[in-house]
mmCIF file of all heavy atoms, coordinates in Angstrom:
data_MODEL
# 
_entry.id   MODEL 
# 
loop_
_atom_site.group_PDB 
_atom_site.id 
_atom_site.type_symbol 
_atom_site.label_atom_id 
_atom_site.label_alt_id 
_atom_site.label_comp_id 
_atom_site.label_asym_id 
_atom_site.label_entity_id 
_atom_site.label_seq_id 
_atom_site.pdbx_PDB_ins_code 
_atom_site.Cartn_x 
_atom_site.Cartn_y 
_atom_site.Cartn_z 
_atom_site.occupancy 
_atom_site.B_iso_or_equiv 
_atom_site.pdbx_formal_charge 
_atom_site.auth_seq_id 
_atom_site.auth_comp_id 
_atom_site.auth_asym_id 
_atom_site.auth_atom_id 
_atom_site.pdbx_PDB_model_num 
ATOM 1   N N   . ALA A 1 1  ? 0.854  -1.184  0.000   1.00 0.00 ? 1  ALA A N   1 
ATOM 2   C CA  . ALA A 1 1  ? 0.000  0.000   0.000   1.00 0.00 ? 1  ALA A CA  1 
ATOM 3   C C   . ALA A 1 1  ? 0.889  1.232   0.000   1.00 0.00 ? 1  ALA A C   1 
ATOM 4   O O   . ALA A 1 1  ? 1.758  1.395   0.836   1.00 0.00 ? 1  ALA A O   1 
ATOM 5   C CB  . ALA A 1 1  ? -0.902 0.000   1.224   1.00 0.00 ? 1  ALA A CB  1 
ATOM 6   N N   . ALA A 1 2  ? 0.691  2.087   -0.971  1.00 0.00 ? 2  ALA A N   1 
ATOM 7   C CA  . ALA A 1 2  ? 1.528  3.274   -1.080  1.00 0.00 ? 2  ALA A CA  1 
ATOM 8   C C   . ALA A 1 2  ? 0.754  4.396   -1.740  1.00 0.00 ? 2  ALA A C   1 
ATOM 9   O O   . ALA A 1 2  ? -0.303 4.187   -2.306  1.00 0.00 ? 2  ALA A O   1 
ATOM 10  C CB  . ALA A 1 2  ? 2.783  2.956   -1.895  1.00 0.00 ? 2  ALA A CB  1 
ATOM 11  N N   . THR A 1 3  ? 1.300  5.551   -1.690  1.00 0.00 ? 3  THR A N   1 
ATOM 12  C CA  . THR A 1 3  ? 0.684  6.692   -2.350  1.00 0.00 ? 3  THR A CA  1 
ATOM 13  C C   . THR A 1 3  ? 1.669  7.228   -3.375  1.00 0.00 ? 3  THR A C   1 
ATOM 14  O O   . THR A 1 3  ? 2.490  8.096   -3.102  1.00 0.00 ? 3  THR A O   1 
ATOM 15  C CB  . THR A 1 3  ? 0.334  7.792   -1.335  1.00 0.00 ? 3  THR A CB  1 
ATOM 16  O OG1 . THR A 1 3  ? 1.517  8.112   -0.599  1.00 0.00 ? 3  THR A OG1 1 
ATOM 17  C CG2 . THR A 1 3  ? -0.732 7.316   -0.374  1.00 0.00 ? 3  THR A CG2 1 
ATOM 18  N N   . GLY A 1 4  ? 1.613  6.618   -4.560  1.00 0.00 ? 4  GLY A N   1 
ATOM 19  C CA  . GLY A 1 4  ? 2.421  7.108   -5.651  1.00 0.00 ? 4  GLY A CA  1 
ATOM 20  C C   . GLY A 1 4  ? 3.819  6.534   -5.714  1.00 0.00 ? 4  GLY A C   1 
ATOM 21  O O   . GLY A 1 4  ? 4.596  6.898   -6.578  1.00 0.00 ? 4  GLY A O   1 
ATOM 22  N N   . ARG A 1 5  ? 4.200  5.647   -4.770  1.00 0.00 ? 5  ARG A N   1 
ATOM 23  C CA  . ARG A 1 5  ? 5.535  5.068   -4.852  1.00 0.00 ? 5  ARG A CA  1 
ATOM 24  C C   . ARG A 1 5  ? 5.480  3.655   -4.265  1.00 0.00 ? 5  ARG A C   1 
ATOM 25  O O   . ARG A 1 5  ? 4.580  3.281   -3.526  1.00 0.00 ? 5  ARG A O   1 
ATOM 26  C CB  . ARG A 1 5  ? 6.554  5.904   -4.076  1.00 0.00 ? 5  ARG A CB  1 
ATOM 27  C CG  . ARG A 1 5  ? 6.261  5.995   -2.592  1.00 0.00 ? 5  ARG A CG  1 
ATOM 28  C CD  . ARG A 1 5  ? 7.308  6.838   -1.870  1.00 0.00 ? 5  ARG A CD  1 
ATOM 29  N NE  . ARG A 1 5  ? 7.021  6.955   -0.459  1.00 0.00 ? 5  ARG A NE  1 
ATOM 30  C CZ  . ARG A 1 5  ? 7.335  6.061   0.455   1.00 0.00 ? 5  ARG A CZ  1 
ATOM 31  N NH1 . ARG A 1 5  ? 7.920  4.943   0.103   1.00 0.00 ? 5  ARG A NH1 1 
ATOM 32  N NH2 . ARG A 1 5  ? 7.056  6.254   1.732   1.00 0.00 ? 5  ARG A NH2 1 
ATOM 33  N N   . GLN A 1 6  ? 6.482  2.871   -4.587  1.00 0.00 ? 6  GLN A N   1 
ATOM 34  C CA  . GLN A 1 6  ? 6.567  1.504   -4.078  1.00 0.00 ? 6  GLN A CA  1 
ATOM 35  C C   . GLN A 1 6  ? 6.911  1.532   -2.602  1.00 0.00 ? 6  GLN A C   1 
ATOM 36  O O   . GLN A 1 6  ? 7.842  2.209   -2.194  1.00 0.00 ? 6  GLN A O   1 
ATOM 37  C CB  . GLN A 1 6  ? 7.647  0.728   -4.842  1.00 0.00 ? 6  GLN A CB  1 
ATOM 38  C CG  . GLN A 1 6  ? 7.791  -0.714  -4.399  1.00 0.00 ? 6  GLN A CG  1 
ATOM 39  C CD  . GLN A 1 6  ? 6.662  -1.568  -4.929  1.00 0.00 ? 6  GLN A CD  1 
ATOM 40  O OE1 . GLN A 1 6  ? 6.093  -1.252  -5.957  1.00 0.00 ? 6  GLN A OE1 1 
ATOM 41  N NE2 . GLN A 1 6  ? 6.327  -2.627  -4.232  1.00 0.00 ? 6  GLN A NE2 1 
ATOM 42  N N   . ALA A 1 7  ? 6.141  0.810   -1.795  1.00 0.00 ? 7  ALA A N   1 
ATOM 43  C CA  . ALA A 1 7  ? 6.417  0.736   -0.358  1.00 0.00 ? 7  ALA A CA  1 
ATOM 44  C C   . ALA A 1 7  ? 6.892  -0.658  -0.031  1.00 0.00 ? 7  ALA A C   1 
ATOM 45  O O   . ALA A 1 7  ? 6.369  -1.641  -0.544  1.00 0.00 ? 7  ALA A O   1 
ATOM 46  C CB  . ALA A 1 7  ? 5.159  1.065   0.440   1.00 0.00 ? 7  ALA A CB  1 
ATOM 47  N N   . ALA A 1 8  ? 7.887  -0.762  0.815   1.00 0.00 ? 8  ALA A N   1 
ATOM 48  C CA  . ALA A 1 8  ? 8.394  -2.079  1.206   1.00 0.00 ? 8  ALA A CA  1 
ATOM 49  C C   . ALA A 1 8  ? 7.440  -2.702  2.205   1.00 0.00 ? 8  ALA A C   1 
ATOM 50  O O   . ALA A 1 8  ? 7.209  -2.147  3.278   1.00 0.00 ? 8  ALA A O   1 
ATOM 51  C CB  . ALA A 1 8  ? 9.778  -1.923  1.833   1.00 0.00 ? 8  ALA A CB  1 
ATOM 52  N N   . PRO A 1 9  ? 6.825  -3.839  1.888   1.00 0.00 ? 9  PRO A N   1 
ATOM 53  C CA  . PRO A 1 9  ? 5.900  -4.459  2.822   1.00 0.00 ? 9  PRO A CA  1 
ATOM 54  C C   . PRO A 1 9  ? 6.627  -5.031  4.033   1.00 0.00 ? 9  PRO A C   1 
ATOM 55  O O   . PRO A 1 9  ? 7.800  -5.369  3.973   1.00 0.00 ? 9  PRO A O   1 
ATOM 56  C CB  . PRO A 1 9  ? 5.261  -5.584  1.986   1.00 0.00 ? 9  PRO A CB  1 
ATOM 57  C CG  . PRO A 1 9  ? 6.284  -5.900  0.948   1.00 0.00 ? 9  PRO A CG  1 
ATOM 58  C CD  . PRO A 1 9  ? 6.988  -4.613  0.642   1.00 0.00 ? 9  PRO A CD  1 
ATOM 59  N N   . LYS A 1 10 ? 5.884  -5.095  5.141   1.00 0.00 ? 10 LYS A N   1 
ATOM 60  C CA  . LYS A 1 10 ? 6.460  -5.707  6.330   1.00 0.00 ? 10 LYS A CA  1 
ATOM 61  C C   . LYS A 1 10 ? 6.724  -7.188  6.064   1.00 0.00 ? 10 LYS A C   1 
ATOM 62  O O   . LYS A 1 10 ? 6.102  -7.795  5.193   1.00 0.00 ? 10 LYS A O   1 
ATOM 63  C CB  . LYS A 1 10 ? 5.498  -5.549  7.508   1.00 0.00 ? 10 LYS A CB  1 
ATOM 64  C CG  . LYS A 1 10 ? 5.255  -4.098  7.908   1.00 0.00 ? 10 LYS A CG  1 
ATOM 65  C CD  . LYS A 1 10 ? 4.257  -4.018  9.055   1.00 0.00 ? 10 LYS A CD  1 
ATOM 66  C CE  . LYS A 1 10 ? 4.011  -2.570  9.458   1.00 0.00 ? 10 LYS A CE  1 
ATOM 67  N NZ  . LYS A 1 10 ? 3.021  -2.463  10.547  1.00 0.00 ? 10 LYS A NZ  1 
ATOM 68  N N   . LEU A 1 11 ? 7.608  -7.765  6.862   1.00 0.00 ? 11 LEU A N   1 
ATOM 69  C CA  . LEU A 1 11 ? 7.984  -9.156  6.653   1.00 0.00 ? 11 LEU A CA  1 
ATOM 70  C C   . LEU A 1 11 ? 6.772  -10.078 6.660   1.00 0.00 ? 11 LEU A C   1 
ATOM 71  O O   . LEU A 1 11 ? 6.639  -10.954 5.812   1.00 0.00 ? 11 LEU A O   1 
ATOM 72  C CB  . LEU A 1 11 ? 8.984  -9.595  7.733   1.00 0.00 ? 11 LEU A CB  1 
ATOM 73  C CG  . LEU A 1 11 ? 9.462  -11.056 7.648   1.00 0.00 ? 11 LEU A CG  1 
ATOM 74  C CD1 . LEU A 1 11 ? 10.187 -11.283 6.327   1.00 0.00 ? 11 LEU A CD1 1 
ATOM 75  C CD2 . LEU A 1 11 ? 10.368 -11.382 8.830   1.00 0.00 ? 11 LEU A CD2 1 
ATOM 76  N N   . ARG A 1 12 ? 5.833  -9.847  7.622   1.00 0.00 ? 12 ARG A N   1 
ATOM 77  C CA  . ARG A 1 12 ? 4.677  -10.739 7.725   1.00 0.00 ? 12 ARG A CA  1 
ATOM 78  C C   . ARG A 1 12 ? 3.718  -10.587 6.545   1.00 0.00 ? 12 ARG A C   1 
ATOM 79  O O   . ARG A 1 12 ? 2.863  -11.434 6.315   1.00 0.00 ? 12 ARG A O   1 
ATOM 80  C CB  . ARG A 1 12 ? 3.923  -10.463 9.028   1.00 0.00 ? 12 ARG A CB  1 
ATOM 81  C CG  . ARG A 1 12 ? 3.231  -9.118  9.055   1.00 0.00 ? 12 ARG A CG  1 
ATOM 82  C CD  . ARG A 1 12 ? 2.499  -8.897  10.359  1.00 0.00 ? 12 ARG A CD  1 
ATOM 83  N NE  . ARG A 1 12 ? 1.840  -7.595  10.361  1.00 0.00 ? 12 ARG A NE  1 
ATOM 84  C CZ  . ARG A 1 12 ? 1.182  -7.109  11.387  1.00 0.00 ? 12 ARG A CZ  1 
ATOM 85  N NH1 . ARG A 1 12 ? 1.099  -7.801  12.497  1.00 0.00 ? 12 ARG A NH1 1 
ATOM 86  N NH2 . ARG A 1 12 ? 0.600  -5.925  11.320  1.00 0.00 ? 12 ARG A NH2 1 
ATOM 87  N N   . ASP A 1 13 ? 3.825  -9.450  5.807   1.00 0.00 ? 13 ASP A N   1 
ATOM 88  C CA  . ASP A 1 13 ? 2.938  -9.211  4.675   1.00 0.00 ? 13 ASP A CA  1 
ATOM 89  C C   . ASP A 1 13 ? 3.529  -9.633  3.339   1.00 0.00 ? 13 ASP A C   1 
ATOM 90  O O   . ASP A 1 13 ? 2.893  -9.491  2.314   1.00 0.00 ? 13 ASP A O   1 
ATOM 91  C CB  . ASP A 1 13 ? 2.555  -7.728  4.619   1.00 0.00 ? 13 ASP A CB  1 
ATOM 92  C CG  . ASP A 1 13 ? 1.636  -7.330  5.768   1.00 0.00 ? 13 ASP A CG  1 
ATOM 93  O OD1 . ASP A 1 13 ? 0.882  -8.198  6.219   1.00 0.00 ? 13 ASP A OD1 1 
ATOM 94  O OD2 . ASP A 1 13 ? 1.696  -6.176  6.208   1.00 0.00 ? 13 ASP A OD2 1 
ATOM 95  N N   . ARG A 1 14 ? 4.774  -10.108 3.361   1.00 0.00 ? 14 ARG A N   1 
ATOM 96  C CA  . ARG A 1 14 ? 5.365  -10.581 2.112   1.00 0.00 ? 14 ARG A CA  1 
ATOM 97  C C   . ARG A 1 14 ? 4.758  -11.926 1.739   1.00 0.00 ? 14 ARG A C   1 
ATOM 98  O O   . ARG A 1 14 ? 4.574  -12.797 2.571   1.00 0.00 ? 14 ARG A O   1 
ATOM 99  C CB  . ARG A 1 14 ? 6.879  -10.694 2.262   1.00 0.00 ? 14 ARG A CB  1 
ATOM 100 C CG  . ARG A 1 14 ? 7.569  -9.334  2.453   1.00 0.00 ? 14 ARG A CG  1 
ATOM 101 C CD  . ARG A 1 14 ? 9.046  -9.482  2.693   1.00 0.00 ? 14 ARG A CD  1 
ATOM 102 N NE  . ARG A 1 14 ? 9.659  -8.190  3.004   1.00 0.00 ? 14 ARG A NE  1 
ATOM 103 C CZ  . ARG A 1 14 ? 10.877 -8.042  3.467   1.00 0.00 ? 14 ARG A CZ  1 
ATOM 104 N NH1 . ARG A 1 14 ? 11.644 -9.111  3.675   1.00 0.00 ? 14 ARG A NH1 1 
ATOM 105 N NH2 . ARG A 1 14 ? 11.348 -6.841  3.734   1.00 0.00 ? 14 ARG A NH2 1 
ATOM 106 N N   . TRP A 1 15 ? 4.497  -12.095 0.473   1.00 0.00 ? 15 TRP A N   1 
ATOM 107 C CA  . TRP A 1 15 ? 3.809  -13.300 0.024   1.00 0.00 ? 15 TRP A CA  1 
ATOM 108 C C   . TRP A 1 15 ? 4.594  -13.937 -1.099  1.00 0.00 ? 15 TRP A C   1 
ATOM 109 O O   . TRP A 1 15 ? 4.949  -13.278 -2.073  1.00 0.00 ? 15 TRP A O   1 
ATOM 110 C CB  . TRP A 1 15 ? 2.405  -12.934 -0.451  1.00 0.00 ? 15 TRP A CB  1 
ATOM 111 C CG  . TRP A 1 15 ? 1.580  -14.103 -0.877  1.00 0.00 ? 15 TRP A CG  1 
ATOM 112 C CD1 . TRP A 1 15 ? 1.322  -15.225 -0.163  1.00 0.00 ? 15 TRP A CD1 1 
ATOM 113 C CD2 . TRP A 1 15 ? 0.890  -14.245 -2.115  1.00 0.00 ? 15 TRP A CD2 1 
ATOM 114 N NE1 . TRP A 1 15 ? 0.502  -16.062 -0.876  1.00 0.00 ? 15 TRP A NE1 1 
ATOM 115 C CE2 . TRP A 1 15 ? 0.219  -15.492 -2.082  1.00 0.00 ? 15 TRP A CE2 1 
ATOM 116 C CE3 . TRP A 1 15 ? 0.762  -13.438 -3.243  1.00 0.00 ? 15 TRP A CE3 1 
ATOM 117 C CZ2 . TRP A 1 15 ? -0.556 -15.935 -3.134  1.00 0.00 ? 15 TRP A CZ2 1 
ATOM 118 C CZ3 . TRP A 1 15 ? -0.015 -13.893 -4.288  1.00 0.00 ? 15 TRP A CZ3 1 
ATOM 119 C CH2 . TRP A 1 15 ? -0.672 -15.132 -4.225  1.00 0.00 ? 15 TRP A CH2 1 
ATOM 120 N N   . GLN A 1 16 ? 4.882  -15.196 -0.945  1.00 0.00 ? 16 GLN A N   1 
ATOM 121 C CA  . GLN A 1 16 ? 5.562  -15.969 -1.985  1.00 0.00 ? 16 GLN A CA  1 
ATOM 122 C C   . GLN A 1 16 ? 4.569  -17.000 -2.513  1.00 0.00 ? 16 GLN A C   1 
ATOM 123 O O   . GLN A 1 16 ? 4.435  -18.095 -1.967  1.00 0.00 ? 16 GLN A O   1 
ATOM 124 C CB  . GLN A 1 16 ? 6.814  -16.649 -1.419  1.00 0.00 ? 16 GLN A CB  1 
ATOM 125 C CG  . GLN A 1 16 ? 7.859  -15.683 -0.892  1.00 0.00 ? 16 GLN A CG  1 
ATOM 126 C CD  . GLN A 1 16 ? 8.398  -14.751 -1.968  1.00 0.00 ? 16 GLN A CD  1 
ATOM 127 O OE1 . GLN A 1 16 ? 8.493  -15.132 -3.136  1.00 0.00 ? 16 GLN A OE1 1 
ATOM 128 N NE2 . GLN A 1 16 ? 8.764  -13.543 -1.585  1.00 0.00 ? 16 GLN A NE2 1 
ATOM 129 N N   . PRO A 1 17 ? 3.825  -16.660 -3.546  1.00 0.00 ? 17 PRO A N   1 
ATOM 130 C CA  . PRO A 1 17 ? 2.714  -17.507 -3.974  1.00 0.00 ? 17 PRO A CA  1 
ATOM 131 C C   . PRO A 1 17 ? 3.093  -18.725 -4.785  1.00 0.00 ? 17 PRO A C   1 
ATOM 132 O O   . PRO A 1 17 ? 2.234  -19.517 -5.129  1.00 0.00 ? 17 PRO A O   1 
ATOM 133 C CB  . PRO A 1 17 ? 1.881  -16.542 -4.823  1.00 0.00 ? 17 PRO A CB  1 
ATOM 134 C CG  . PRO A 1 17 ? 2.900  -15.610 -5.401  1.00 0.00 ? 17 PRO A CG  1 
ATOM 135 C CD  . PRO A 1 17 ? 3.946  -15.431 -4.340  1.00 0.00 ? 17 PRO A CD  1 
ATOM 136 N N   . GLY A 1 18 ? 4.355  -18.885 -5.151  1.00 0.00 ? 18 GLY A N   1 
ATOM 137 C CA  . GLY A 1 18 ? 4.721  -20.015 -5.983  1.00 0.00 ? 18 GLY A CA  1 
ATOM 138 C C   . GLY A 1 18 ? 4.259  -19.869 -7.409  1.00 0.00 ? 18 GLY A C   1 
ATOM 139 O O   . GLY A 1 18 ? 3.984  -20.852 -8.093  1.00 0.00 ? 18 GLY A O   1 
ATOM 140 N N   . ILE A 1 19 ? 4.121  -18.634 -7.855  1.00 0.00 ? 19 ILE A N   1 
ATOM 141 C CA  . ILE A 1 19 ? 3.723  -18.350 -9.239  1.00 0.00 ? 19 ILE A CA  1 
ATOM 142 C C   . ILE A 1 19 ? 4.981  -18.173 -10.086 1.00 0.00 ? 19 ILE A C   1 
ATOM 143 O O   . ILE A 1 19 ? 5.789  -17.277 -9.825  1.00 0.00 ? 19 ILE A O   1 
ATOM 144 C CB  . ILE A 1 19 ? 2.840  -17.086 -9.304  1.00 0.00 ? 19 ILE A CB  1 
ATOM 145 C CG1 . ILE A 1 19 ? 1.525  -17.319 -8.535  1.00 0.00 ? 19 ILE A CG1 1 
ATOM 146 C CG2 . ILE A 1 19 ? 2.541  -16.711 -10.751 1.00 0.00 ? 19 ILE A CG2 1 
ATOM 147 C CD1 . ILE A 1 19 ? 0.636  -16.100 -8.451  1.00 0.00 ? 19 ILE A CD1 1 
ATOM 148 N N   . ASP A 1 20 ? 5.142  -19.020 -11.086 1.00 0.00 ? 20 ASP A N   1 
ATOM 149 C CA  . ASP A 1 20 ? 6.368  -19.008 -11.897 1.00 0.00 ? 20 ASP A CA  1 
ATOM 150 C C   . ASP A 1 20 ? 6.412  -17.850 -12.880 1.00 0.00 ? 20 ASP A C   1 
ATOM 151 O O   . ASP A 1 20 ? 7.495  -17.403 -13.267 1.00 0.00 ? 20 ASP A O   1 
ATOM 152 C CB  . ASP A 1 20 ? 6.506  -20.327 -12.655 1.00 0.00 ? 20 ASP A CB  1 
ATOM 153 C CG  . ASP A 1 20 ? 6.731  -21.514 -11.712 1.00 0.00 ? 20 ASP A CG  1 
ATOM 154 O OD1 . ASP A 1 20 ? 7.284  -21.285 -10.632 1.00 0.00 ? 20 ASP A OD1 1 
ATOM 155 O OD2 . ASP A 1 20 ? 6.336  -22.635 -12.078 1.00 0.00 ? 20 ASP A OD2 1 
ATOM 156 N N   . VAL A 1 21 ? 5.263  -17.366 -13.324 1.00 0.00 ? 21 VAL A N   1 
ATOM 157 C CA  . VAL A 1 21 ? 5.264  -16.291 -14.315 1.00 0.00 ? 21 VAL A CA  1 
ATOM 158 C C   . VAL A 1 21 ? 5.706  -14.987 -13.660 1.00 0.00 ? 21 VAL A C   1 
ATOM 159 O O   . VAL A 1 21 ? 5.494  -14.774 -12.460 1.00 0.00 ? 21 VAL A O   1 
ATOM 160 C CB  . VAL A 1 21 ? 3.866  -16.122 -14.947 1.00 0.00 ? 21 VAL A CB  1 
ATOM 161 C CG1 . VAL A 1 21 ? 3.425  -17.404 -15.622 1.00 0.00 ? 21 VAL A CG1 1 
ATOM 162 C CG2 . VAL A 1 21 ? 2.851  -15.678 -13.908 1.00 0.00 ? 21 VAL A CG2 1 
ATOM 163 N N   . PRO A 1 22 ? 6.329  -14.091 -14.418 1.00 0.00 ? 22 PRO A N   1 
ATOM 164 C CA  . PRO A 1 22 ? 6.759  -12.811 -13.844 1.00 0.00 ? 22 PRO A CA  1 
ATOM 165 C C   . PRO A 1 22 ? 5.564  -11.905 -13.554 1.00 0.00 ? 22 PRO A C   1 
ATOM 166 O O   . PRO A 1 22 ? 4.512  -12.018 -14.193 1.00 0.00 ? 22 PRO A O   1 
ATOM 167 C CB  . PRO A 1 22 ? 7.652  -12.216 -14.936 1.00 0.00 ? 22 PRO A CB  1 
ATOM 168 C CG  . PRO A 1 22 ? 7.172  -12.839 -16.194 1.00 0.00 ? 22 PRO A CG  1 
ATOM 169 C CD  . PRO A 1 22 ? 6.737  -14.226 -15.837 1.00 0.00 ? 22 PRO A CD  1 
ATOM 170 N N   . ALA A 1 23 ? 5.741  -11.032 -12.573 1.00 0.00 ? 23 ALA A N   1 
ATOM 171 C CA  . ALA A 1 23 ? 4.696  -10.064 -12.264 1.00 0.00 ? 23 ALA A CA  1 
ATOM 172 C C   . ALA A 1 23 ? 4.502  -9.128  -13.446 1.00 0.00 ? 23 ALA A C   1 
ATOM 173 O O   . ALA A 1 23 ? 5.462  -8.700  -14.083 1.00 0.00 ? 23 ALA A O   1 
ATOM 174 C CB  . ALA A 1 23 ? 5.075  -9.269  -11.017 1.00 0.00 ? 23 ALA A CB  1 
ATOM 175 N N   . SER A 1 24 ? 3.252  -8.851  -13.757 1.00 0.00 ? 24 SER A N   1 
ATOM 176 C CA  . SER A 1 24 ? 2.962  -7.950  -14.866 1.00 0.00 ? 24 SER A CA  1 
ATOM 177 C C   . SER A 1 24 ? 3.140  -6.502  -14.419 1.00 0.00 ? 24 SER A C   1 
ATOM 178 O O   . SER A 1 24 ? 3.350  -6.227  -13.233 1.00 0.00 ? 24 SER A O   1 
ATOM 179 C CB  . SER A 1 24 ? 1.539  -8.177  -15.376 1.00 0.00 ? 24 SER A CB  1 
ATOM 180 O OG  . SER A 1 24 ? 0.608  -7.848  -14.359 1.00 0.00 ? 24 SER A OG  1 
ATOM 181 N N   . SER A 1 25 ? 3.025  -5.598  -15.368 1.00 0.00 ? 25 SER A N   1 
ATOM 182 C CA  . SER A 1 25 ? 3.183  -4.184  -15.058 1.00 0.00 ? 25 SER A CA  1 
ATOM 183 C C   . SER A 1 25 ? 2.037  -3.402  -15.666 1.00 0.00 ? 25 SER A C   1 
ATOM 184 O O   . SER A 1 25 ? 1.607  -3.679  -16.794 1.00 0.00 ? 25 SER A O   1 
ATOM 185 C CB  . SER A 1 25 ? 4.521  -3.664  -15.598 1.00 0.00 ? 25 SER A CB  1 
ATOM 186 O OG  . SER A 1 25 ? 4.673  -2.287  -15.342 1.00 0.00 ? 25 SER A OG  1 
ATOM 187 N N   . GLY A 1 26 ? 1.516  -2.444  -14.886 1.00 0.00 ? 26 GLY A N   1 
ATOM 188 C CA  . GLY A 1 26 ? 0.476  -1.566  -15.400 1.00 0.00 ? 26 GLY A CA  1 
ATOM 189 C C   . GLY A 1 26 ? -0.935 -2.038  -15.164 1.00 0.00 ? 26 GLY A C   1 
ATOM 190 O O   . GLY A 1 26 ? -1.884 -1.433  -15.674 1.00 0.00 ? 26 GLY A O   1 
# 
């Protein structure tokens, strides 16, 4: 959650979903 910029999520909020495809953009 950010306002106009990338915010570093807290450790407990990081999610490793096991999705092999790269994250999309836009």
